[in-house]
Structures are given as C-alpha cells and as structure tokens.
C-alpha cells in the first residue's frame, strides 16, 4: 500500500480537463462482448479496473489495441474462445458481475464467486443480478460459495420491477434484454449519467432502447449488434471533486468538461455550504469561498445534503463535499441513503480537528471548526473517501499523511498529477 503526503494551506488554481467516466467505461468493455465486430472507445481513462477487465478478455483471445497516451481502446472478440469451466474472472472489482450477461449470450454458462466486489461500502448483494437473469429464463444454482448460471436454448423477454435502483442490476438487464427476443421492460431502473451513457453506447451498436435517462426502460431485442466507435463521456464525479478542491482551497479553477448539464443539483449542494462554484458554458469555475452555510427558512431545521440514487445528489460525491466543508460556518447534516457503512470513516476527520457527530451509519452532522490541524489518517478501501480526506488535508496548513491511498487509482489514475499541475504539494510514498 502507498500513502500520500500532503502539504496543505495553498490555494489551487489553473485549468483542468476531466477524464472519461470510469463507471461508464467498465460496462462498455463488458458490452463489447455482445458483438464480434470491432468496438473502439475514446476518452478512455487508464484505470486499474479496466486494465483487469481487458486482461481477462485478452487471456481468451480478444484482440486489443490500446493507446494510453491517446486514451483509446479497441476490442475485437471475433477470435475469443471462452471455456466456461475455466474463466478467470477479475477479482476485487464490482464490475466483474457485468460479464455475466455477455457470457450467458456467448457460452450459455457463467460461474460467479462471492469475491467479485469493489469498495468497502457495506454489503453489495448479488441477488438483484441473479433475479434479472432468472427473469430471462436462466437457471441459477448456488452451492454456498459460488453460483452456476445457465441460459436456456432461447431466452425470452420479461417485465421486471427492481426492489431498488441498482446501477449494475440495471446494466445487467440491458445486457440481457438487447439480444433477448421480444420486448422487455424494467421499472425502477437506475438513471445515473453513466447508465444513460451506457444506453447511448448500446444504441450505437444497434440496440433498441426507449426511456433512456428515466426510471423505466423498454428494450426491443434484436438478433445481433454491430461494432461502434464511441466516446466515453466525462466523469461527473471527477468534475465535482476538482470543483470542491478549487472552492475549498480558495483557488480559481476552470474545469472544462462535456457533462456540465449533469451538474446543476451537485453545484447547488456545494453552494449550500458556502463553496464558490458556478457553471459557465462548458466549464465549472471556482473561486474563494465564504463557507457560510445557507440558513433554512424553516428555523427548526439545519442545512442538509441527502445522497440517494440519481437524480438525487450522488453518494459517490458525498465524501468530497464532506471533506470540502470542514471550514463550514454552521451546521450541516449529511445523509447517505445508499450505503450502510459509508460514513464510519468520519472518525478520521476528528484527527484533523473537525467537529462532527455520527448520528448513525447513515447520518453525519458537521459543525465546523476554527482549530483545524494537520494529521496522519487511515483511509478505508473506498475510492471517494480517499478523495475526501485529501480535500480536507489540502485546506490545512502543515503536512498531513493519507495512509492506504491506493484505491484512488481504481477511478482516477492521474489524479495526483493533475493536482500537482495546479499547485498542490502532494506526493506518493510507498509504505
């Protein structure tokens, strides 16, 4: 594991260009298995999760052309030879489950072990994915350690109403439905930007999908999909993270991105806690912040930021806004309605001198502090929490350490380079 050494207290200013969306790229790589034609992707971030997926398909004969400098990736599965009995799925990444539907289409068999998981965000159940494939006619057998999933000779269409808006379960539905005969419908579908981008990608491959960007998706199955050349849209999580950094450190950042239209609610929540961020054309622009928390017109309540499935404020940006609000003047309630263990890291903020109270596994109250101090903190295995701790450390004069910071590479491989380019005094040290 590696740690980050952060010398904070400097206003970070300059120009930032946002990378491609990790959560859109990974299902696109898996979705490329639905065709033998060439799939070309651009604006591809060289993240560790995608490297694992690419290595997995390369091992079975997929032809891969990749240019990390040009941020492009080409995939051709025409000569791929899968052995259902000996498929080495990548471990440690949640997106491995998205290989299930494509492999059921290609081989009719899929083995799924319980080590396909990502960040330590509490229980990440597999049941929704398995229920989706069962709805298309697949059979699931569980022996206590792994699931054996088999597809019938001919899939059938289905009508599913998800228990909750799961992003990856929605993507599994899409991966099954686009090649299943008939019309399939998903109600309570996830509608996050990366799900919308994935739908757009499948449409360019010949899929027929209605309701893109909404909670109801209707898919007319087609006989086959074709190749495509698709640009991965920018990552709204990264755009929000740099916006938080610029505003929290008092710097003037101009963040160029193609997803400004996805940012209004996110910007509004940052402004609510006194961060100076606004949109202008294809840029997010930051400046010195007041940190004055907006007072509620209902005097009995305090300012609140609620994270829930889109179009609510994203749970994957909650650690960043928490880290950016350690100088807030006033009380703020942060409420994570998605993950049951995602706020326990807040105890590390106490080491920075931040006044806070963890009400329960879902709710955290920050009350601000005038006695912030550098510290040595331990990051859990959660990508965005590492970012939140970095954002806190960047605001505090003196040298701080963020231990176990490696998860950043899973979503933001060039994050530290970008920070250094705008004046941050931050560096990696191997532990």
Protein backbone atom coordinates (compact mmCIF):
# COMPACT_ATOMS: atom_id res chain seq x y z
CA UNK A 1 0.00 0.00 0.00
CA UNK A 2 1.03 3.61 -0.55
CA UNK A 3 0.36 6.81 1.33
CA UNK A 4 0.00 10.42 0.22
CA UNK A 5 1.99 13.21 1.81
CA UNK A 6 0.04 16.46 1.61
CA UNK A 7 1.37 19.90 2.46
CA UNK A 8 -1.82 21.92 2.72
CA UNK A 9 -2.87 25.52 3.02
CA UNK A 10 -2.34 26.63 -0.59
CA UNK A 11 -4.95 28.00 -2.99
CA UNK A 12 -5.02 25.72 -6.03
CA UNK A 13 -5.69 27.44 -9.35
CA UNK A 14 -5.39 26.68 -13.04
CA UNK A 15 -7.00 24.68 -15.84
CA UNK A 16 -8.37 21.14 -15.51
CA UNK A 17 -9.64 18.76 -18.18
CA UNK A 18 -11.83 15.94 -16.91
CA UNK A 19 -11.21 12.26 -17.72
CA UNK A 20 -13.68 9.70 -19.05
CA UNK A 21 -16.26 8.19 -16.72
CA UNK A 22 -14.99 5.00 -15.03
CA UNK A 23 -18.48 3.76 -14.23
CA UNK A 24 -19.49 4.13 -17.89
CA UNK A 25 -16.32 2.60 -19.32
CA UNK A 26 -16.48 -0.70 -17.41
CA UNK A 27 -19.95 -1.82 -18.64
CA UNK A 28 -18.96 -0.67 -22.14
CA UNK A 29 -15.99 -3.05 -22.09
CA UNK A 30 -18.29 -5.86 -20.94
CA UNK A 31 -20.91 -4.84 -23.51
CA UNK A 32 -18.37 -5.15 -26.33
CA UNK A 33 -18.69 -8.92 -25.84
CA UNK A 34 -22.19 -8.74 -27.37
CA UNK A 35 -20.68 -8.43 -30.86
CA UNK A 36 -17.82 -9.90 -32.89
CA UNK A 37 -17.38 -6.59 -34.70
CA UNK A 38 -14.70 -4.11 -33.63
CA UNK A 39 -15.59 -1.74 -30.80
CA UNK A 40 -13.48 1.41 -30.48
CA UNK A 41 -13.67 3.64 -27.41
CA UNK A 42 -12.09 7.07 -26.95
CA UNK A 43 -11.60 9.29 -23.88
CA UNK A 44 -10.67 6.10 -22.03
CA UNK A 45 -9.13 6.61 -18.56
CA UNK A 46 -6.31 4.08 -17.88
CA UNK A 47 -7.84 2.91 -14.60
CA UNK A 48 -6.83 -0.30 -12.85
CA UNK A 49 -10.33 -1.81 -13.04
CA UNK A 50 -10.44 -1.53 -16.83
CA UNK A 51 -6.92 -2.97 -17.06
CA UNK A 52 -8.16 -6.04 -15.14
CA UNK A 53 -11.15 -6.47 -17.46
CA UNK A 54 -9.01 -6.06 -20.57
CA UNK A 55 -6.51 -8.60 -19.22
CA UNK A 56 -9.38 -11.02 -18.62
CA UNK A 57 -10.62 -10.90 -22.22
CA UNK A 58 -7.12 -10.80 -23.71
CA UNK A 59 -6.36 -14.10 -21.97
CA UNK A 60 -9.08 -15.83 -24.04
CA UNK A 61 -8.11 -14.46 -27.43
CA UNK A 62 -9.65 -11.00 -27.66
CA UNK A 63 -7.63 -8.68 -29.87
CA UNK A 64 -6.93 -5.45 -28.01
CA UNK A 65 -5.42 -2.23 -29.33
CA UNK A 66 -4.81 0.36 -26.67
CA UNK A 67 -3.09 3.74 -26.69
CA UNK A 68 -2.92 5.21 -23.20
CA UNK A 69 -1.47 8.48 -24.49
CA UNK A 70 -4.36 8.93 -26.94
CA UNK A 71 -6.85 7.45 -24.40
CA UNK A 72 -8.23 4.95 -26.91
CA UNK A 73 -9.18 1.29 -26.64
CA UNK A 74 -10.14 -1.15 -29.42
CA UNK A 75 -11.68 -4.58 -28.81
CA UNK A 76 -12.37 -7.43 -31.24
CA UNK A 77 -13.86 -10.63 -29.83
CA UNK A 78 -14.10 -12.49 -33.18
CA UNK A 79 -11.39 -14.99 -32.18
CA UNK A 80 -12.30 -15.17 -28.50
CA UNK A 81 -12.53 -18.72 -27.15
CA UNK A 82 -14.25 -18.96 -23.79
CA UNK A 83 -14.03 -22.10 -21.69
CA UNK A 84 -16.98 -21.88 -19.28
CA UNK A 85 -15.23 -24.27 -16.89
CA UNK A 86 -12.07 -22.19 -16.66
CA UNK A 87 -12.87 -18.50 -16.87
CA UNK A 88 -10.58 -16.44 -14.63
CA UNK A 89 -12.78 -13.51 -13.72
CA UNK A 90 -11.04 -10.41 -12.36
CA UNK A 91 -11.32 -10.17 -8.59
CA UNK A 92 -11.65 -7.13 -6.36
CA UNK A 93 -13.84 -5.15 -8.76
CA UNK A 94 -17.60 -4.98 -8.63
CA UNK A 95 -17.94 -4.65 -12.41
CA UNK A 96 -16.87 -8.29 -12.90
CA UNK A 97 -20.54 -9.20 -12.39
CA UNK A 98 -21.31 -7.34 -15.64
CA UNK A 99 -19.54 -10.13 -17.55
CA UNK A 100 -22.37 -12.47 -16.60
CA UNK A 101 -24.95 -11.43 -19.23
CA UNK A 102 -22.50 -11.25 -22.17
CA UNK A 103 -21.04 -14.65 -21.31
CA UNK A 104 -24.51 -16.17 -20.97
CA UNK A 105 -25.19 -14.91 -24.50
CA UNK A 106 -21.88 -16.28 -25.80
CA UNK A 107 -21.48 -19.57 -23.89
CA UNK A 108 -24.74 -20.22 -22.05
CA UNK A 109 -22.87 -20.71 -18.76
CA UNK A 110 -21.46 -18.43 -16.07
CA UNK A 111 -19.73 -19.15 -12.74
CA UNK A 112 -19.90 -16.34 -10.18
CA UNK A 113 -17.92 -16.35 -6.96
CA UNK A 114 -18.51 -14.06 -4.00
CA UNK A 115 -15.11 -12.37 -4.27
CA UNK A 116 -16.38 -10.11 -7.06
CA UNK A 117 -16.60 -6.97 -5.00
CA UNK A 118 -15.30 -3.44 -5.05
CA UNK A 119 -15.04 -0.83 -2.30
CA UNK A 120 -15.76 -1.50 1.36
CA UNK A 121 -19.15 0.19 1.24
CA UNK A 122 -21.08 -2.44 3.14
CA UNK A 123 -22.94 -5.38 1.64
CA UNK A 124 -23.02 -5.36 -2.19
CA UNK A 125 -25.55 -8.11 -2.83
CA UNK A 126 -25.64 -10.20 -5.99
CA UNK A 127 -29.30 -11.20 -5.71
CA UNK A 128 -30.65 -8.42 -7.98
CA UNK A 129 -28.36 -9.53 -10.83
CA UNK A 130 -29.30 -13.17 -10.44
CA UNK A 131 -33.02 -12.35 -10.31
CA UNK A 132 -32.63 -10.34 -13.53
CA UNK A 133 -31.09 -13.23 -15.46
CA UNK A 134 -33.63 -15.65 -13.99
CA UNK A 135 -36.38 -13.41 -15.37
CA UNK A 136 -34.99 -14.01 -18.86
CA UNK A 137 -35.19 -17.79 -18.36
CA UNK A 138 -31.78 -18.57 -16.90
CA UNK A 139 -31.31 -21.16 -14.14
CA UNK A 140 -29.31 -20.32 -11.01
CA UNK A 141 -27.78 -22.94 -8.70
CA UNK A 142 -25.92 -21.85 -5.54
CA UNK A 143 -23.64 -24.26 -3.67
CA UNK A 144 -22.66 -21.99 -0.79
CA UNK A 145 -19.55 -20.45 -2.35
CA UNK A 146 -20.43 -19.79 -5.96
CA UNK A 147 -23.38 -19.56 -8.32
CA UNK A 148 -23.69 -21.57 -11.51
CA UNK A 149 -25.89 -19.75 -14.02
CA UNK A 150 -27.06 -21.47 -17.20
CA UNK A 151 -29.05 -19.97 -20.06
CA UNK A 152 -31.82 -21.78 -21.96
CA UNK A 153 -31.50 -22.51 -25.66
CA UNK A 154 -33.66 -19.46 -26.31
CA UNK A 155 -34.07 -16.55 -23.90
CA UNK A 156 -37.45 -14.90 -23.52
CA UNK A 157 -38.47 -11.30 -22.85
CA UNK A 158 -39.59 -10.21 -19.38
CA UNK A 159 -41.09 -7.44 -17.28
CA UNK A 160 -39.10 -6.62 -14.12
CA UNK A 161 -39.70 -4.16 -11.28
CA UNK A 162 -36.46 -3.80 -9.28
CA UNK A 163 -36.60 -3.65 -5.48
CA UNK A 164 -34.31 -0.63 -5.63
CA UNK A 165 -32.47 1.39 -8.27
CA UNK A 166 -29.31 -0.64 -8.67
CA UNK A 167 -26.93 0.68 -11.33
CA UNK A 168 -25.26 -2.64 -12.09
CA UNK A 169 -28.54 -4.60 -11.97
CA UNK A 170 -29.96 -2.12 -14.49
CA UNK A 171 -26.91 -2.65 -16.69
CA UNK A 172 -27.28 -6.43 -16.37
CA UNK A 173 -30.89 -6.08 -17.54
CA UNK A 174 -29.77 -4.07 -20.56
CA UNK A 175 -27.04 -6.56 -21.43
CA UNK A 176 -29.60 -9.38 -21.35
CA UNK A 177 -32.50 -7.57 -22.99
CA UNK A 178 -30.79 -6.15 -26.08
CA UNK A 179 -30.35 -9.66 -27.56
CA UNK A 180 -33.41 -11.36 -25.99
CA UNK A 181 -36.35 -11.90 -28.37
CA UNK A 182 -39.38 -9.70 -27.76
CA UNK A 183 -39.96 -6.57 -25.67
CA UNK A 184 -38.53 -6.39 -22.14
CA UNK A 185 -39.35 -3.70 -19.60
CA UNK A 186 -37.53 -2.58 -16.46
CA UNK A 187 -39.29 -0.41 -13.88
CA UNK A 188 -37.37 1.35 -11.09
CA UNK A 189 -34.28 1.39 -13.28
CA UNK A 190 -31.23 3.39 -12.23
CA UNK A 191 -30.90 6.61 -14.23
CA UNK A 192 -27.40 7.83 -13.29
CA UNK A 193 -25.44 9.62 -16.04
CA UNK A 194 -23.21 6.58 -16.60
CA UNK A 195 -26.29 4.38 -17.12
CA UNK A 196 -27.56 6.86 -19.70
CA UNK A 197 -24.17 6.86 -21.43
CA UNK A 198 -24.20 3.06 -21.49
CA UNK A 199 -27.64 3.09 -23.11
CA UNK A 200 -26.40 5.58 -25.72
CA UNK A 201 -23.44 3.29 -26.40
CA UNK A 202 -25.67 0.23 -26.90
CA UNK A 203 -27.92 2.22 -29.25
CA UNK A 204 -24.92 2.99 -31.48
CA UNK A 205 -24.37 -0.78 -31.62
CA UNK A 206 -27.91 -1.28 -32.93
CA UNK A 207 -29.86 -1.79 -29.69
CA UNK A 208 -33.43 -0.50 -29.46
CA UNK A 209 -33.96 1.20 -26.09
CA UNK A 210 -36.73 3.59 -25.06
CA UNK A 211 -36.83 5.65 -21.85
CA UNK A 212 -33.11 6.43 -21.72
CA UNK A 213 -32.35 8.64 -18.74
CA UNK A 214 -35.57 7.67 -16.92
CA UNK A 215 -36.56 5.04 -14.36
CA UNK A 216 -38.50 2.97 -16.93
CA UNK A 217 -36.54 1.28 -19.72
CA UNK A 218 -38.16 -0.63 -22.57
CA UNK A 219 -35.97 -2.75 -24.84
CA UNK A 220 -36.88 -4.39 -28.14
CA UNK A 221 -34.49 -7.31 -28.56
CA UNK A 222 -32.53 -7.57 -31.83
CA UNK A 223 -30.85 -10.55 -33.47
CA UNK A 224 -27.35 -9.10 -33.36
CA UNK A 225 -25.37 -6.00 -32.50
CA UNK A 226 -22.70 -4.30 -34.58
CA UNK A 227 -19.43 -2.62 -33.71
CA UNK A 228 -19.18 1.05 -32.84
CA UNK A 229 -16.81 3.97 -32.26
CA UNK A 230 -17.93 5.72 -29.08
CA UNK A 231 -16.50 8.49 -26.91
CA UNK A 232 -16.78 7.83 -23.18
CA UNK A 233 -18.35 10.98 -21.66
CA UNK A 234 -16.52 12.79 -18.88
CA UNK A 235 -16.74 11.72 -15.25
CA UNK A 236 -19.12 13.93 -13.25
CA UNK A 237 -17.57 12.57 -10.04
CA UNK A 238 -14.14 13.86 -11.05
CA UNK A 239 -15.58 17.19 -12.19
CA UNK A 240 -17.28 17.61 -8.80
CA UNK A 241 -14.11 16.57 -6.97
CA UNK A 242 -11.95 19.22 -8.62
CA UNK A 243 -14.69 21.82 -8.18
CA UNK A 244 -14.68 21.02 -4.46
CA UNK A 245 -10.88 21.30 -4.35
CA UNK A 246 -10.78 24.67 -6.07
CA UNK A 247 -13.53 26.20 -3.94
CA UNK A 248 -12.33 24.70 -0.64
CA UNK A 249 -8.72 25.85 -1.09
CA UNK A 250 -9.79 29.29 -2.32
CA UNK A 251 -8.34 28.83 -5.78
CA UNK A 252 -9.66 29.82 -9.19
CA UNK A 253 -10.07 26.62 -11.20
CA UNK A 254 -11.53 26.46 -14.69
CA UNK A 255 -12.72 22.89 -15.22
CA UNK A 256 -13.52 22.02 -18.83
CA UNK A 257 -15.98 19.16 -19.33
CA UNK A 258 -18.74 17.86 -21.58
CA UNK A 259 -21.11 17.00 -18.71
CA UNK A 260 -22.00 20.45 -17.33
CA UNK A 261 -25.66 19.65 -17.99
CA UNK A 262 -25.46 16.88 -15.36
CA UNK A 263 -24.15 19.22 -12.66
CA UNK A 264 -26.90 21.69 -11.54
CA UNK A 265 -28.02 19.82 -8.40
CA UNK A 266 -24.43 18.98 -7.47
CA UNK A 267 -23.38 22.61 -7.80
CA UNK A 268 -26.41 23.68 -5.77
CA UNK A 269 -25.38 21.47 -2.83
CA UNK A 270 -21.84 22.86 -2.89
CA UNK A 271 -23.23 26.39 -2.88
CA UNK A 272 -25.48 25.47 0.05
CA UNK A 273 -22.40 25.02 2.27
CA UNK A 274 -20.75 28.23 1.09
CA UNK A 275 -18.48 26.90 -1.66
CA UNK A 276 -17.90 29.25 -4.60
CA UNK A 277 -18.70 27.17 -7.70
CA UNK A 278 -20.69 28.05 -10.81
CA UNK A 279 -21.12 26.82 -14.38
CA UNK A 280 -20.30 28.88 -17.43
CA UNK A 281 -20.59 27.30 -20.88
CA UNK A 282 -18.62 24.05 -20.88
CA UNK A 283 -16.75 24.94 -17.69
CA UNK A 284 -17.13 24.79 -13.94
CA UNK A 285 -15.41 27.77 -12.32
CA UNK A 286 -14.38 28.11 -8.69
CA UNK A 287 -13.18 30.99 -6.52
CA UNK A 288 -12.51 31.91 -2.87
CA UNK A 289 -15.38 30.66 -0.70
CA UNK A 290 -17.18 32.13 2.30
CA UNK A 291 -18.05 28.71 3.82
CA UNK A 292 -21.21 30.36 5.15
CA UNK A 293 -23.79 27.59 5.43
CA UNK A 294 -27.13 28.57 3.95
CA UNK A 295 -29.73 29.13 6.66
CA UNK A 296 -33.02 27.33 6.32
CA UNK A 297 -36.19 29.39 6.06
CA UNK A 298 -37.64 26.84 8.47
CA UNK A 299 -35.81 27.80 11.69
CA UNK A 300 -36.25 24.39 13.31
CA UNK A 301 -34.08 22.67 10.66
CA UNK A 302 -30.44 22.78 9.58
CA UNK A 303 -28.83 22.61 6.14
CA UNK A 304 -28.97 19.11 4.73
CA UNK A 305 -27.29 17.26 1.85
CA UNK A 306 -29.04 13.98 1.02
CA UNK A 307 -27.28 11.36 -1.11
CA UNK A 308 -29.51 8.87 -2.87
CA UNK A 309 -29.96 7.32 -6.33
CA UNK A 310 -29.96 9.78 -9.24
CA UNK A 311 -31.34 12.37 -9.72
CA UNK A 312 -30.50 12.96 -6.03
CA UNK A 313 -27.02 14.08 -5.01
CA UNK A 314 -24.68 11.12 -5.79
CA UNK A 315 -23.42 9.04 -2.87
CA UNK A 316 -20.06 8.88 -4.68
CA UNK A 317 -19.62 12.63 -4.19
CA UNK A 318 -20.66 12.77 -0.53
CA UNK A 319 -17.13 12.19 0.89
CA UNK A 320 -15.78 15.00 -1.30
CA UNK A 321 -18.37 17.55 -0.18
CA UNK A 322 -17.82 16.48 3.44
CA UNK A 323 -14.07 16.97 3.05
CA UNK A 324 -14.64 20.34 1.42
CA UNK A 325 -16.89 21.57 4.23
CA UNK A 326 -14.53 21.24 7.19
CA UNK A 327 -14.30 25.06 7.29
CA UNK A 328 -18.07 25.49 7.14
CA UNK A 329 -19.59 28.19 9.32
CA UNK A 330 -22.73 26.50 10.55
CA UNK A 331 -24.21 23.03 10.93
CA UNK A 332 -24.69 20.64 8.02
CA UNK A 333 -26.40 17.24 8.07
CA UNK A 334 -25.02 14.73 5.55
CA UNK A 335 -27.28 11.78 4.87
CA UNK A 336 -26.14 8.73 2.89
CA UNK A 337 -29.29 6.82 1.96
CA UNK A 338 -27.45 4.27 -0.19
CA UNK A 339 -24.69 2.53 1.80
CA UNK A 340 -24.96 1.46 5.43
CA UNK A 341 -21.24 1.70 6.25
CA UNK A 342 -20.12 4.64 4.18
CA UNK A 343 -19.75 7.26 6.94
CA UNK A 344 -17.69 5.39 9.53
CA UNK A 345 -14.56 6.97 8.05
CA UNK A 346 -15.70 10.29 9.56
CA UNK A 347 -13.78 9.37 12.72
CA UNK A 348 -10.63 10.19 10.73
CA UNK A 349 -11.86 13.77 10.34
CA UNK A 350 -11.64 14.18 14.11
CA UNK A 351 -7.86 13.84 13.77
CA UNK A 352 -7.92 17.00 11.64
CA UNK A 353 -9.75 18.80 14.45
CA UNK A 354 -13.10 18.71 12.66
CA UNK A 355 -16.14 18.89 14.95
CA UNK A 356 -18.65 16.26 13.88
CA UNK A 357 -21.18 13.81 15.21
CA UNK A 358 -22.03 10.46 13.59
CA UNK A 359 -25.69 10.05 14.42
CA UNK A 360 -25.99 6.55 12.91
CA UNK A 361 -24.48 4.61 9.97
CA UNK A 362 -26.27 6.91 7.52
CA UNK A 363 -26.18 10.42 9.03
CA UNK A 364 -23.31 12.74 9.93
CA UNK A 365 -23.51 16.26 11.36
CA UNK A 366 -20.59 18.66 10.80
CA UNK A 367 -20.48 21.78 12.94
CA UNK A 368 -17.32 23.41 11.61
CA UNK A 369 -14.08 24.15 13.45
CA UNK A 370 -11.64 27.02 13.91
CA UNK A 371 -8.87 24.73 15.18
CA UNK A 372 -8.02 22.59 12.19
CA UNK A 373 -4.63 20.84 12.28
CA UNK A 374 -2.61 18.51 10.03
CA UNK A 375 -2.83 14.83 10.86
CA UNK A 376 -2.00 11.27 9.91
CA UNK A 377 -5.20 9.49 8.84
CA UNK A 378 -6.10 5.97 7.72
CA UNK A 379 -8.22 5.68 4.58
CA UNK A 380 -10.63 2.75 4.21
CA UNK A 381 -10.80 0.86 0.91
CA UNK A 382 -13.26 3.34 -0.59
CA UNK A 383 -12.16 5.39 -3.60
CA UNK A 384 -14.14 8.53 -2.87
CA UNK A 385 -13.28 8.58 0.85
CA UNK A 386 -9.59 8.81 -0.03
CA UNK A 387 -10.52 11.85 -2.14
CA UNK A 388 -12.48 13.36 0.74
CA UNK A 389 -9.52 13.01 3.11
CA UNK A 390 -7.19 14.54 0.50
CA UNK A 391 -9.54 17.51 0.06
CA UNK A 392 -9.55 18.05 3.83
CA UNK A 393 -5.75 17.86 4.05
CA UNK A 394 -5.27 20.31 1.16
CA UNK A 395 -7.04 23.04 3.19
CA UNK A 396 -4.98 22.69 6.37
CA UNK A 397 -1.59 24.36 6.80
CA UNK A 398 1.13 21.85 7.55
CA UNK A 399 1.94 18.30 6.46
CA UNK A 400 -0.65 15.51 6.61
CA UNK A 401 -0.49 11.84 5.64
CA UNK A 402 -3.26 9.86 3.98
CA UNK A 403 -2.41 6.20 4.52
CA UNK A 404 -3.73 3.34 2.31
CA UNK A 405 -4.49 5.78 -0.51
CA UNK A 406 -4.08 3.27 -3.38
CA UNK A 407 -7.84 2.97 -4.17
CA UNK A 408 -7.62 6.33 -5.99
CA UNK A 409 -6.04 4.50 -8.95
CA UNK A 410 -9.23 2.49 -9.46
CA UNK A 411 -11.02 5.62 -10.73
CA UNK A 412 -8.50 8.46 -11.03
CA UNK A 413 -5.07 7.21 -12.15
CA UNK A 414 -3.76 10.69 -13.00
CA UNK A 415 -5.42 12.48 -10.08
CA UNK A 416 -2.19 13.34 -8.26
CA UNK A 417 -0.53 14.56 -11.47
CA UNK A 418 -3.49 16.87 -12.09
CA UNK A 419 -3.29 18.19 -8.53
CA UNK A 420 0.43 18.89 -8.86
CA UNK A 421 -0.23 20.74 -12.13
CA UNK A 422 -2.48 23.23 -10.31
CA UNK A 423 -0.01 23.84 -7.50
CA UNK A 424 -0.71 21.13 -4.93
CA UNK A 425 2.22 19.99 -2.82
CA UNK A 426 1.35 16.29 -2.73
CA UNK A 427 3.31 13.11 -3.43
CA UNK A 428 3.16 9.34 -3.18
CA UNK A 429 5.30 7.39 -0.71
CA UNK A 430 5.39 3.57 -0.59
CA UNK A 431 4.68 2.18 2.85
